[in-house]
Amino acid sequence: MALAPVTLAVVLAVLGVHALLLGRMPGRWLSRLVRQPRQWGAGALLMLMSGSVDSRPLLVVGVGLVALGLVMKAAH
């Protein structure tokens, strides 16, 4: 049972770094779902960091960035 949170954290970290560095999401489903990959990736990494430093404000900012990455349209 303790393996599931660790696995989820590793997957979130890999997706966050991938999105932040490359500016795109892997896979068709995630590519369609996330409109601002870099913003989503930064939020995902902040959410992970908030757990290690036990900071609620960092968690709130991370959740906000993930939400904005999902709903904000790209400005081209």
N, C-alpha and C. Protein backbone atom coordinates (compact mmCIF):
# COMPACT_ATOMS: atom_id res chain seq x y z
N MET A 1 0.81 -1.20 0.00
CA MET A 1 0.00 0.00 0.00
C MET A 1 0.85 1.27 0.00
N ALA A 2 2.01 1.24 0.60
CA ALA A 2 2.86 2.43 0.66
C ALA A 2 3.55 2.68 -0.67
N LEU A 3 3.51 1.73 -1.57
CA LEU A 3 4.16 1.88 -2.86
C LEU A 3 3.37 2.80 -3.79
N ALA A 4 2.06 2.86 -3.64
CA ALA A 4 1.22 3.67 -4.52
C ALA A 4 1.54 5.17 -4.43
N PRO A 5 1.65 5.78 -3.24
CA PRO A 5 1.98 7.22 -3.20
C PRO A 5 3.37 7.52 -3.77
N VAL A 6 4.31 6.62 -3.55
CA VAL A 6 5.65 6.82 -4.09
C VAL A 6 5.63 6.75 -5.61
N THR A 7 4.89 5.78 -6.13
CA THR A 7 4.77 5.64 -7.58
C THR A 7 4.09 6.86 -8.19
N LEU A 8 3.04 7.34 -7.56
CA LEU A 8 2.34 8.53 -8.04
C LEU A 8 3.26 9.74 -8.01
N ALA A 9 4.07 9.89 -6.98
CA ALA A 9 5.00 11.01 -6.88
C ALA A 9 6.05 10.94 -7.98
N VAL A 10 6.55 9.76 -8.26
CA VAL A 10 7.57 9.62 -9.31
C VAL A 10 6.97 9.93 -10.68
N VAL A 11 5.78 9.43 -10.94
CA VAL A 11 5.11 9.71 -12.23
C VAL A 11 4.84 11.20 -12.37
N LEU A 12 4.37 11.84 -11.32
CA LEU A 12 4.10 13.28 -11.35
C LEU A 12 5.38 14.07 -11.56
N ALA A 13 6.47 13.64 -10.94
CA ALA A 13 7.74 14.33 -11.11
C ALA A 13 8.25 14.20 -12.55
N VAL A 14 8.16 13.00 -13.11
CA VAL A 14 8.62 12.80 -14.48
C VAL A 14 7.78 13.61 -15.46
N LEU A 15 6.46 13.59 -15.29
CA LEU A 15 5.60 14.37 -16.17
C LEU A 15 5.84 15.86 -16.01
N GLY A 16 6.05 16.31 -14.77
CA GLY A 16 6.30 17.73 -14.53
C GLY A 16 7.59 18.21 -15.16
N VAL A 17 8.66 17.44 -15.03
CA VAL A 17 9.93 17.83 -15.63
C VAL A 17 9.83 17.78 -17.15
N HIS A 18 9.18 16.77 -17.68
CA HIS A 18 9.01 16.65 -19.14
C HIS A 18 8.25 17.86 -19.67
N ALA A 19 7.15 18.21 -19.02
CA ALA A 19 6.33 19.33 -19.49
C ALA A 19 7.08 20.66 -19.34
N LEU A 20 7.78 20.83 -18.24
CA LEU A 20 8.48 22.09 -18.00
C LEU A 20 9.64 22.29 -18.97
N LEU A 21 10.41 21.26 -19.23
CA LEU A 21 11.58 21.40 -20.09
C LEU A 21 11.24 21.38 -21.57
N LEU A 22 10.33 20.51 -21.98
CA LEU A 22 10.05 20.37 -23.41
C LEU A 22 8.86 21.19 -23.89
N GLY A 23 8.00 21.62 -22.97
CA GLY A 23 6.85 22.42 -23.37
C GLY A 23 5.75 21.63 -24.04
N ARG A 24 5.71 20.33 -23.82
CA ARG A 24 4.63 19.50 -24.35
C ARG A 24 4.41 18.33 -23.40
N MET A 25 3.24 17.71 -23.55
CA MET A 25 2.88 16.58 -22.70
C MET A 25 3.02 15.29 -23.50
N PRO A 26 3.45 14.21 -22.87
CA PRO A 26 3.53 12.94 -23.59
C PRO A 26 2.15 12.32 -23.75
N GLY A 27 1.95 11.63 -24.83
CA GLY A 27 0.69 10.92 -25.05
C GLY A 27 -0.39 11.81 -25.63
N ARG A 28 -1.35 11.18 -26.26
CA ARG A 28 -2.44 11.93 -26.89
C ARG A 28 -3.41 12.50 -25.87
N TRP A 29 -3.74 11.69 -24.86
CA TRP A 29 -4.73 12.14 -23.88
C TRP A 29 -4.24 13.35 -23.10
N LEU A 30 -3.02 13.29 -22.59
CA LEU A 30 -2.48 14.42 -21.84
C LEU A 30 -2.26 15.63 -22.73
N SER A 31 -1.87 15.42 -23.97
CA SER A 31 -1.67 16.54 -24.89
C SER A 31 -2.97 17.29 -25.14
N ARG A 32 -4.07 16.56 -25.22
CA ARG A 32 -5.37 17.21 -25.43
C ARG A 32 -5.88 17.87 -24.16
N LEU A 33 -5.55 17.30 -23.01
CA LEU A 33 -6.08 17.78 -21.74
C LEU A 33 -5.37 19.05 -21.27
N VAL A 34 -4.05 19.09 -21.37
CA VAL A 34 -3.26 20.20 -20.84
C VAL A 34 -3.02 21.22 -21.94
N ARG A 35 -3.42 22.47 -21.68
CA ARG A 35 -3.27 23.52 -22.69
C ARG A 35 -1.98 24.30 -22.53
N GLN A 36 -1.48 24.42 -21.32
CA GLN A 36 -0.22 25.12 -21.04
C GLN A 36 0.73 24.15 -20.32
N PRO A 37 1.48 23.35 -21.06
CA PRO A 37 2.29 22.31 -20.43
C PRO A 37 3.37 22.83 -19.48
N ARG A 38 4.03 23.92 -19.82
CA ARG A 38 5.08 24.44 -18.93
C ARG A 38 4.50 24.90 -17.60
N GLN A 39 3.37 25.54 -17.65
CA GLN A 39 2.71 26.00 -16.43
C GLN A 39 2.24 24.79 -15.61
N TRP A 40 1.69 23.81 -16.27
CA TRP A 40 1.25 22.59 -15.59
C TRP A 40 2.44 21.89 -14.94
N GLY A 41 3.54 21.81 -15.65
CA GLY A 41 4.73 21.14 -15.12
C GLY A 41 5.30 21.86 -13.91
N ALA A 42 5.33 23.18 -13.96
CA ALA A 42 5.82 23.95 -12.80
C ALA A 42 4.91 23.72 -11.60
N GLY A 43 3.61 23.70 -11.83
CA GLY A 43 2.68 23.46 -10.74
C GLY A 43 2.81 22.06 -10.15
N ALA A 44 3.01 21.08 -11.01
CA ALA A 44 3.18 19.71 -10.53
C ALA A 44 4.43 19.58 -9.67
N LEU A 45 5.52 20.21 -10.10
CA LEU A 45 6.75 20.15 -9.31
C LEU A 45 6.62 20.91 -8.00
N LEU A 46 5.91 22.03 -8.01
CA LEU A 46 5.68 22.76 -6.75
C LEU A 46 4.83 21.95 -5.78
N MET A 47 3.85 21.24 -6.31
CA MET A 47 3.03 20.39 -5.45
C MET A 47 3.88 19.30 -4.80
N LEU A 48 4.79 18.72 -5.55
CA LEU A 48 5.67 17.70 -4.99
C LEU A 48 6.61 18.29 -3.95
N MET A 49 7.16 19.46 -4.24
CA MET A 49 8.06 20.11 -3.28
C MET A 49 7.34 20.49 -2.00
N SER A 50 6.08 20.85 -2.09
CA SER A 50 5.34 21.25 -0.90
C SER A 50 5.21 20.10 0.10
N GLY A 51 5.16 18.88 -0.41
CA GLY A 51 5.09 17.73 0.48
C GLY A 51 6.39 17.50 1.22
N SER A 52 7.52 17.76 0.56
CA SER A 52 8.80 17.51 1.21
C SER A 52 9.18 18.60 2.22
N VAL A 53 8.72 19.82 2.01
CA VAL A 53 9.03 20.90 2.95
C VAL A 53 7.85 21.24 3.85
N ASP A 54 6.74 20.52 3.67
CA ASP A 54 5.53 20.69 4.48
C ASP A 54 5.04 22.14 4.46
N SER A 55 4.77 22.64 3.26
CA SER A 55 4.36 24.03 3.08
C SER A 55 3.01 24.08 2.37
N ARG A 56 1.99 24.53 3.08
CA ARG A 56 0.67 24.65 2.46
C ARG A 56 0.60 25.75 1.40
N PRO A 57 1.22 26.92 1.61
CA PRO A 57 1.16 27.93 0.55
C PRO A 57 1.78 27.45 -0.76
N LEU A 58 2.85 26.68 -0.68
CA LEU A 58 3.47 26.14 -1.88
C LEU A 58 2.53 25.15 -2.57
N LEU A 59 1.79 24.38 -1.79
CA LEU A 59 0.81 23.45 -2.34
C LEU A 59 -0.31 24.20 -3.06
N VAL A 60 -0.78 25.28 -2.45
CA VAL A 60 -1.87 26.06 -3.05
C VAL A 60 -1.42 26.69 -4.36
N VAL A 61 -0.21 27.23 -4.39
CA VAL A 61 0.31 27.81 -5.63
C VAL A 61 0.47 26.73 -6.70
N GLY A 62 0.96 25.56 -6.31
CA GLY A 62 1.12 24.46 -7.25
C GLY A 62 -0.20 23.99 -7.83
N VAL A 63 -1.21 23.85 -6.99
CA VAL A 63 -2.54 23.44 -7.46
C VAL A 63 -3.11 24.51 -8.40
N GLY A 64 -2.89 25.77 -8.06
CA GLY A 64 -3.36 26.86 -8.92
C GLY A 64 -2.70 26.83 -10.29
N LEU A 65 -1.39 26.59 -10.32
CA LEU A 65 -0.70 26.53 -11.61
C LEU A 65 -1.14 25.33 -12.44
N VAL A 66 -1.37 24.20 -11.78
CA VAL A 66 -1.86 23.02 -12.51
C VAL A 66 -3.25 23.31 -13.09
N ALA A 67 -4.11 23.93 -12.31
CA ALA A 67 -5.45 24.27 -12.79
C ALA A 67 -5.39 25.24 -13.96
N LEU A 68 -4.54 26.26 -13.84
CA LEU A 68 -4.40 27.22 -14.94
C LEU A 68 -3.81 26.56 -16.19
N GLY A 69 -2.90 25.63 -15.99
CA GLY A 69 -2.34 24.91 -17.13
C GLY A 69 -3.37 24.06 -17.85
N LEU A 70 -4.40 23.66 -17.13
CA LEU A 70 -5.46 22.86 -17.75
C LEU A 70 -6.48 23.70 -18.50
N VAL A 71 -6.76 24.91 -18.02
CA VAL A 71 -7.87 25.66 -18.59
C VAL A 71 -7.46 26.87 -19.44
N MET A 72 -6.26 27.39 -19.26
CA MET A 72 -5.83 28.58 -19.99
C MET A 72 -5.47 28.26 -21.42
N LYS A 73 -5.95 29.04 -22.35
CA LYS A 73 -5.58 28.84 -23.76
C LYS A 73 -4.24 29.47 -24.03
N ALA A 74 -3.51 28.89 -24.96
CA ALA A 74 -2.20 29.42 -25.34
C ALA A 74 -2.36 30.73 -26.10
N ALA A 75 -1.51 31.70 -25.79
CA ALA A 75 -1.54 32.99 -26.48
C ALA A 75 -0.54 32.94 -27.63
N HIS A 76 -1.05 32.73 -28.84
CA HIS A 76 -0.15 32.66 -30.01
C HIS A 76 -0.28 33.89 -30.83
